Amino acid sequence: MATNKVSVQVSCLPNVEKIVKKIFLDGLKDYCKRFNVKPLDKNFKVQICFIEYPDPIDYNYHVGMANGVTIYDDDEGKILIQTRDPLLNDWEGNYYVMMQFICVIMHEFVHAYQHITGRKGINVKVEYDKKSEREVYFFDPAEMEARMLELPYYTLFGTQLL
């Protein structure tokens, strides 16, 4: 699988940039093999940043947006992944906090893999209220796939960050 068209840059305070880059690329290889897909024939610049931002006010809205976001610039081939680093907000770095943090990272990585390969997520038929913004978000195939893979990818790759 050709990952030479995918460059990865990581910015974070802990000295784990090389580990995060390796996790991203190992996960991409696994994703391509698991779903029998290849990266699209274009260059991608993936930028991963662990940042600090305050607790969200509304925990009941887009749950994933409280901790991470993946943004695409198709014209430039850029993918920006931002995840909220709980340690920058003085959270205790216990096992539960770190596991949740790493699962958020894996979730956002899956969105990047989807974009790099052109895959739209899992293809399942599920009924939901298409007028409800929350249900449209929760049952979106890409979101369902990212939630489905975050724990396996945490176990397969992310535990290197513990």
Protein backbone atom coordinates (compact mmCIF):
# COMPACT_ATOMS: atom_id res chain seq x y z
CA MET A 1 0.00 0.00 0.00
CA ALA A 2 1.39 3.36 -0.98
CA THR A 3 1.49 5.69 2.00
CA ASN A 4 4.24 7.77 0.39
CA LYS A 5 1.58 10.26 -0.70
CA VAL A 6 0.57 10.83 2.93
CA SER A 7 2.77 13.09 5.06
CA VAL A 8 2.06 13.44 8.77
CA GLN A 9 3.05 16.26 11.08
CA VAL A 10 2.29 16.15 14.82
CA SER A 11 2.31 19.02 17.32
CA CYS A 12 1.86 18.32 21.01
CA LEU A 13 3.49 19.14 24.33
CA PRO A 14 4.39 15.61 25.41
CA ASN A 15 7.36 14.20 23.51
CA VAL A 16 5.29 11.63 21.59
CA GLU A 17 5.23 13.07 18.06
CA LYS A 18 7.03 10.08 16.51
CA ILE A 19 4.76 7.61 18.29
CA VAL A 20 1.60 9.45 17.16
CA LYS A 21 2.86 9.57 13.56
CA LYS A 22 3.64 5.83 13.64
CA ILE A 23 0.21 5.06 15.13
CA PHE A 24 -1.47 7.10 12.39
CA LEU A 25 0.43 5.39 9.56
CA ASP A 26 0.07 1.88 11.06
CA GLY A 27 -3.65 2.50 11.47
CA LEU A 28 -3.93 3.70 7.87
CA LYS A 29 -2.25 0.52 6.62
CA ASP A 30 -4.59 -1.58 8.74
CA TYR A 31 -7.66 0.36 7.56
CA CYS A 32 -6.69 -0.10 3.91
CA LYS A 33 -6.08 -3.82 4.38
CA ARG A 34 -9.18 -4.39 6.52
CA PHE A 35 -11.54 -2.67 4.06
CA ASN A 36 -9.60 -3.53 0.90
CA VAL A 37 -9.13 0.12 -0.09
CA LYS A 38 -6.17 2.27 -1.16
CA PRO A 39 -5.32 5.92 -0.64
CA LEU A 40 -6.69 8.12 -3.40
CA ASP A 41 -4.18 9.13 -6.06
CA LYS A 42 -3.27 12.50 -4.59
CA ASN A 43 -0.98 13.91 -1.93
CA PHE A 44 -2.29 14.38 1.60
CA LYS A 45 -0.76 16.52 4.34
CA VAL A 46 -2.09 15.39 7.70
CA GLN A 47 -1.55 17.77 10.60
CA ILE A 48 -2.33 16.45 14.08
CA CYS A 49 -2.47 18.82 17.01
CA PHE A 50 -3.27 18.20 20.67
CA ILE A 51 -4.71 21.43 22.03
CA GLU A 52 -6.22 22.98 25.13
CA TYR A 53 -9.72 24.35 25.17
CA PRO A 54 -12.31 24.80 27.89
CA ASP A 55 -15.00 22.32 28.79
CA PRO A 56 -17.95 22.54 26.41
CA ILE A 57 -21.14 24.02 27.79
CA ASP A 58 -23.54 21.59 26.11
CA TYR A 59 -22.46 17.97 26.56
CA ASN A 60 -25.69 16.73 24.99
CA TYR A 61 -25.08 18.10 21.53
CA HIS A 62 -22.39 16.74 19.19
CA VAL A 63 -20.57 14.61 21.71
CA GLY A 64 -17.53 13.98 19.53
CA MET A 65 -17.03 17.67 18.84
CA ALA A 66 -16.43 18.23 22.54
CA ASN A 67 -13.08 16.46 22.26
CA GLY A 68 -11.93 16.26 18.66
CA VAL A 69 -12.51 17.43 15.13
CA THR A 70 -11.16 16.54 11.69
CA ILE A 71 -11.25 19.22 9.00
CA TYR A 72 -10.48 18.78 5.28
CA ASP A 73 -9.13 21.22 2.71
CA ASP A 74 -9.54 19.31 -0.53
CA ASP A 75 -7.92 22.02 -2.65
CA GLU A 76 -4.66 21.72 -0.71
CA GLY A 77 -5.00 18.04 0.23
CA LYS A 78 -4.74 19.03 3.89
CA ILE A 79 -6.34 17.21 6.78
CA LEU A 80 -6.27 18.90 10.17
CA ILE A 81 -6.96 16.75 13.23
CA GLN A 82 -7.38 18.57 16.52
CA THR A 83 -7.96 16.71 19.75
CA ARG A 84 -8.46 18.13 23.18
CA ASP A 85 -5.57 17.10 25.41
CA PRO A 86 -7.12 16.70 28.89
CA LEU A 87 -3.72 17.01 30.55
CA LEU A 88 -3.48 20.61 29.29
CA ASN A 89 -6.64 21.32 31.29
CA ASP A 90 -5.08 19.89 34.47
CA TRP A 91 -7.04 16.64 34.34
CA GLU A 92 -5.47 13.74 36.17
CA GLY A 93 -3.67 11.44 33.72
CA ASN A 94 -5.21 8.27 35.11
CA TYR A 95 -5.93 5.21 32.99
CA TYR A 96 -9.58 6.13 32.31
CA VAL A 97 -8.78 9.69 31.20
CA MET A 98 -5.92 8.50 28.97
CA MET A 99 -8.02 5.72 27.45
CA GLN A 100 -10.80 8.16 26.59
CA PHE A 101 -8.30 10.64 25.16
CA ILE A 102 -6.65 7.99 22.98
CA CYS A 103 -10.06 6.73 21.80
CA VAL A 104 -10.86 10.28 20.65
CA ILE A 105 -7.57 10.35 18.76
CA MET A 106 -8.36 6.99 17.10
CA HIS A 107 -11.88 8.19 16.21
CA GLU A 108 -10.47 11.26 14.44
CA PHE A 109 -7.81 9.14 12.73
CA VAL A 110 -10.57 6.96 11.26
CA HIS A 111 -12.19 10.09 9.77
CA ALA A 112 -8.85 10.94 8.16
CA TYR A 113 -8.51 7.37 6.82
CA GLN A 114 -11.99 7.64 5.34
CA HIS A 115 -11.06 10.85 3.58
CA ILE A 116 -7.69 9.55 2.36
CA THR A 117 -9.30 6.44 0.85
CA GLY A 118 -12.60 7.98 -0.25
CA ARG A 119 -14.50 5.50 1.91
CA LYS A 120 -17.80 6.84 3.27
CA GLY A 121 -18.09 4.64 6.37
CA ILE A 122 -20.03 1.50 7.13
CA ASN A 123 -22.95 0.60 4.92
CA VAL A 124 -25.83 -0.45 7.15
CA LYS A 125 -29.50 0.25 6.92
CA VAL A 126 -30.71 1.98 10.05
CA GLU A 127 -33.84 4.00 10.65
CA TYR A 128 -33.48 7.45 12.19
CA ASP A 129 -35.21 10.82 12.22
CA LYS A 130 -33.69 12.66 9.26
CA LYS A 131 -35.14 15.94 10.58
CA SER A 132 -33.16 15.63 13.81
CA GLU A 133 -29.65 17.10 13.48
CA ARG A 134 -28.47 14.93 16.38
CA GLU A 135 -29.77 11.71 14.83
CA VAL A 136 -28.35 12.58 11.41
CA TYR A 137 -24.97 13.07 13.09
CA PHE A 138 -25.13 9.95 15.28
CA PHE A 139 -26.28 7.64 12.47
CA ASP A 140 -24.07 9.02 9.74
CA PRO A 141 -22.15 6.04 8.25
CA ALA A 142 -18.77 7.75 8.73
CA GLU A 143 -19.53 8.55 12.38
CA MET A 144 -20.80 5.05 13.06
CA GLU A 145 -17.66 3.55 11.55
CA ALA A 146 -15.38 5.88 13.53
CA ARG A 147 -17.16 4.97 16.78
CA MET A 148 -17.02 1.28 15.84
CA LEU A 149 -13.24 1.37 15.24
CA GLU A 150 -12.05 3.71 18.00
CA LEU A 151 -11.80 1.01 20.69
CA PRO A 152 -10.23 -1.69 18.46
CA TYR A 153 -7.70 0.87 17.17
CA TYR A 154 -7.03 2.00 20.73
CA THR A 155 -6.26 -1.63 21.60
CA LEU A 156 -4.25 -2.40 18.44
CA PHE A 157 -2.26 0.83 18.19
CA GLY A 158 -3.14 3.50 20.74
CA THR A 159 -1.93 1.77 23.88
CA GLN A 160 1.59 2.81 22.81
CA LEU A 161 0.67 6.24 24.22
CA LEU A 162 -0.02 4.94 27.75
